[in-house]
N, C-alpha and C. Protein backbone atom coordinates (compact mmCIF):
# COMPACT_ATOMS: atom_id res chain seq x y z
N MET A 1 -2.28 -6.38 -10.01
CA MET A 1 -1.27 -5.80 -9.70
C MET A 1 0.31 -6.79 -9.85
N ARG A 2 1.40 -5.10 -10.30
CA ARG A 2 2.26 -6.15 -10.60
C ARG A 2 3.28 -6.77 -9.20
N ALA A 3 4.10 -7.79 -9.24
CA ALA A 3 4.36 -8.36 -8.33
C ALA A 3 5.79 -7.27 -7.76
N SER A 4 6.59 -6.31 -8.40
CA SER A 4 7.22 -5.85 -7.74
C SER A 4 6.77 -4.70 -7.14
N LEU A 5 5.48 -4.17 -7.35
CA LEU A 5 4.55 -3.08 -6.21
C LEU A 5 4.23 -4.02 -5.32
N ARG A 6 3.71 -5.34 -5.46
CA ARG A 6 3.17 -6.51 -4.78
C ARG A 6 3.98 -6.50 -3.18
N GLU A 7 5.22 -6.44 -3.78
CA GLU A 7 6.78 -6.77 -2.31
C GLU A 7 6.65 -5.59 -1.92
N LYS A 8 6.92 -4.09 -3.09
CA LYS A 8 7.31 -3.05 -2.07
C LYS A 8 6.00 -2.62 -1.43
N VAL A 9 5.20 -2.71 -1.77
CA VAL A 9 4.00 -2.45 -0.68
C VAL A 9 4.23 -3.19 0.78
N ILE A 10 4.33 -4.33 0.76
CA ILE A 10 4.56 -5.60 1.96
C ILE A 10 5.75 -5.29 2.81
N ALA A 11 6.67 -4.69 1.91
CA ALA A 11 8.00 -4.51 2.88
C ALA A 11 7.77 -3.03 3.80
N VAL A 12 7.17 -1.80 2.86
CA VAL A 12 6.87 -0.62 3.54
C VAL A 12 5.75 -0.99 4.74
N CYS A 13 4.62 -1.79 4.54
CA CYS A 13 3.60 -2.04 5.44
C CYS A 13 4.55 -2.92 6.66
N GLU A 14 5.25 -3.63 6.63
CA GLU A 14 6.23 -3.86 7.30
C GLU A 14 6.78 -3.53 8.58
N ALA A 15 7.78 -2.19 7.86
CA ALA A 15 8.64 -1.27 8.53
C ALA A 15 7.68 -0.24 8.94
N LYS A 16 6.69 -0.19 8.72
CA LYS A 16 5.89 1.15 9.37
C LYS A 16 5.10 0.42 10.56
N ILE A 17 4.82 -0.84 10.22
CA ILE A 17 4.17 -1.63 12.03
C ILE A 17 5.30 -1.60 12.32
N ALA A 18 6.72 -2.22 12.29
CA ALA A 18 7.87 -2.10 12.80
C ALA A 18 8.11 -0.84 13.81
N GLN A 19 8.43 0.08 12.93
CA GLN A 19 8.41 1.27 13.46
C GLN A 19 7.42 1.58 14.63
N LYS A 20 6.70 1.78 14.11
CA LYS A 20 4.88 2.66 14.79
C LYS A 20 4.30 1.42 15.78
N GLY A 21 4.46 0.38 15.43
CA GLY A 21 3.28 -0.58 15.73
C GLY A 21 2.34 -1.04 15.09
N GLU A 22 1.33 -2.41 15.57
CA GLU A 22 0.54 -2.52 14.88
C GLU A 22 -0.97 -1.63 14.46
N ALA A 23 -1.11 -0.92 15.04
CA ALA A 23 -1.87 0.16 15.19
C ALA A 23 -2.03 1.41 13.95
N VAL A 24 -0.65 1.20 13.17
CA VAL A 24 -0.19 2.38 12.26
C VAL A 24 -1.30 1.93 11.00
N GLY A 25 -1.55 3.08 10.75
CA GLY A 25 -2.52 2.93 9.44
C GLY A 25 -1.25 3.95 8.74
N LEU A 26 -1.95 4.02 7.29
CA LEU A 26 -1.35 4.89 5.36
C LEU A 26 -2.34 4.63 4.78
N SER A 27 -1.76 5.19 3.78
CA SER A 27 -2.52 5.82 2.42
C SER A 27 -1.64 4.89 1.25
N PHE A 28 -2.36 5.20 0.18
CA PHE A 28 -1.43 4.26 -0.80
C PHE A 28 -0.32 5.30 -1.32
N TYR A 29 -0.34 6.19 -0.72
CA TYR A 29 0.87 7.54 -1.26
C TYR A 29 2.00 7.02 -0.42
N ALA A 30 1.71 6.53 0.34
CA ALA A 30 3.27 5.55 1.04
C ALA A 30 4.01 5.01 0.41
N PHE A 31 3.42 4.40 -0.39
CA PHE A 31 4.45 3.99 -1.35
C PHE A 31 5.22 4.14 -2.67
N PHE A 32 4.96 5.40 -2.89
CA PHE A 32 6.20 6.33 -3.23
C PHE A 32 6.55 8.18 -2.73
N ALA A 33 7.32 8.29 -3.87
CA ALA A 33 7.81 9.58 -3.39
C ALA A 33 7.21 10.63 -3.44
N ASN A 34 7.64 11.26 -2.87
CA ASN A 34 6.59 12.97 -2.65
C ASN A 34 6.37 13.33 -4.01
N LYS A 35 7.15 13.22 -5.20
CA LYS A 35 7.03 13.22 -6.57
C LYS A 35 6.46 12.31 -6.81
N ASN A 36 5.77 12.98 -8.05
CA ASN A 36 4.99 11.60 -9.30
C ASN A 36 5.77 11.72 -10.19
N ASP A 37 6.86 10.72 -9.96
CA ASP A 37 7.87 10.22 -11.11
C ASP A 37 7.64 8.60 -11.49
N ASP A 38 6.71 8.12 -11.52
CA ASP A 38 5.69 7.38 -12.26
C ASP A 38 4.34 6.98 -11.80
N PRO A 39 3.57 8.06 -12.86
CA PRO A 39 2.30 8.06 -12.65
C PRO A 39 1.18 6.87 -13.10
N GLU A 40 2.23 5.89 -14.50
CA GLU A 40 1.79 4.82 -14.19
C GLU A 40 1.44 3.73 -13.10
N LEU A 41 2.28 3.57 -12.04
CA LEU A 41 2.52 2.73 -10.86
C LEU A 41 1.79 3.38 -9.92
N LEU A 42 1.70 4.80 -9.52
CA LEU A 42 0.56 4.99 -8.94
C LEU A 42 -0.66 5.04 -9.37
N MET A 43 -1.12 5.20 -10.47
CA MET A 43 -2.55 4.84 -10.72
C MET A 43 -2.59 3.35 -10.71
N GLU A 44 -1.95 3.04 -10.81
CA GLU A 44 -1.93 1.16 -10.66
C GLU A 44 -2.40 0.86 -8.84
N ALA A 45 -1.35 1.28 -8.31
CA ALA A 45 -1.58 1.55 -6.52
C ALA A 45 -2.86 1.95 -6.55
N ALA A 46 -3.48 3.37 -6.88
CA ALA A 46 -4.68 3.78 -6.57
C ALA A 46 -5.96 2.94 -7.23
N GLU A 47 -5.60 2.15 -8.31
CA GLU A 47 -7.13 1.96 -8.62
C GLU A 47 -7.31 0.65 -7.62
N TRP A 48 -5.66 -0.05 -7.54
CA TRP A 48 -6.40 -1.90 -6.55
C TRP A 48 -6.77 -1.22 -5.13
N TRP A 49 -6.50 0.28 -4.46
CA TRP A 49 -7.00 0.79 -3.49
C TRP A 49 -8.48 1.39 -3.27
N ILE A 50 -8.78 1.94 -4.01
CA ILE A 50 -10.12 2.83 -4.49
C ILE A 50 -11.17 1.84 -5.15
N LYS A 51 -10.72 1.83 -6.21
CA LYS A 51 -11.83 1.32 -7.07
C LYS A 51 -12.03 -0.02 -7.00
N THR A 52 -10.72 -1.39 -6.97
CA THR A 52 -10.92 -2.57 -6.39
C THR A 52 -11.59 -2.71 -5.38
N HIS A 53 -11.19 -2.37 -4.47
CA HIS A 53 -11.43 -2.55 -2.86
C HIS A 53 -12.07 -1.76 -2.17
N GLU A 54 -12.16 -0.36 -2.95
CA GLU A 54 -13.33 0.40 -2.24
C GLU A 54 -12.58 0.84 -0.94
N LEU A 55 -11.39 0.99 -0.39
CA LEU A 55 -10.57 1.47 0.83
C LEU A 55 -10.49 3.07 1.43
N ASP A 56 -10.88 3.36 2.50
CA ASP A 56 -10.68 4.46 3.15
C ASP A 56 -9.44 4.56 2.50
N HIS A 57 -9.80 6.17 2.76
CA HIS A 57 -8.20 6.96 2.45
C HIS A 57 -7.06 6.46 3.55
N PHE A 58 -7.44 6.20 4.70
CA PHE A 58 -5.87 5.48 5.59
C PHE A 58 -6.84 4.00 5.95
N GLU A 59 -5.85 3.37 6.00
CA GLU A 59 -6.36 1.89 6.61
C GLU A 59 -4.85 1.21 7.26
N LYS A 60 -5.35 0.40 8.14
CA LYS A 60 -3.80 -0.31 9.07
C LYS A 60 -3.27 -0.78 7.86
N ALA A 61 -1.78 -0.43 8.59
CA ALA A 61 -1.18 -0.92 8.01
C ALA A 61 -1.08 -3.03 7.76
N VAL A 62 -1.35 -3.04 8.59
CA VAL A 62 -1.76 -4.34 8.70
C VAL A 62 -2.67 -5.14 8.02
N LYS A 63 -3.68 -4.44 7.60
CA LYS A 63 -4.47 -5.00 6.48
C LYS A 63 -3.98 -5.40 5.55
N ILE A 64 -3.64 -4.01 4.91
CA ILE A 64 -3.09 -3.66 3.28
C ILE A 64 -1.74 -5.10 3.51
N ARG A 65 -1.08 -5.17 4.73
CA ARG A 65 0.14 -6.04 4.47
C ARG A 65 -0.34 -7.74 3.78
N ASP A 66 -1.37 -8.13 4.99
CA ASP A 66 -1.98 -9.25 4.51
C ASP A 66 -2.69 -9.69 3.86
N MET A 67 -3.76 -8.81 2.83
CA MET A 67 -4.48 -8.47 1.38
C MET A 67 -3.50 -8.56 0.84
N MET A 68 -2.12 -7.84 0.48
CA MET A 68 -0.81 -8.53 -0.21
C MET A 68 -0.05 -9.75 -0.64
N LYS A 69 -0.48 -10.26 0.29
CA LYS A 69 0.20 -11.60 1.05
C LYS A 69 -0.94 -12.61 0.42
N ALA A 70 -1.91 -12.41 0.57
CA ALA A 70 -2.74 -13.21 -0.06
C ALA A 70 -3.05 -13.34 -0.79
N GLY A 71 -2.53 -11.56 -1.56
CA GLY A 71 -2.82 -12.31 -3.47
C GLY A 71 -4.31 -11.31 -3.66
N VAL A 72 -5.04 -10.53 -2.74
CA VAL A 72 -6.02 -9.98 -3.12
C VAL A 72 -5.66 -9.05 -3.59
């Protein structure tokens, strides 16, 4: 996963956690606008989330943030 997407994912996770607490869940769609303006980047996130790590549709933001920070 490219560094810019990894940084964005961490920032979004941290914002959601700060706003709603450590129990907040999210999907990979949380990192994108409601319109598909960068399909290549969206597919990169989807592949990491679904194909590589076989994550559920919704996961805890804390888990995703920690995976990103660990470089998983």
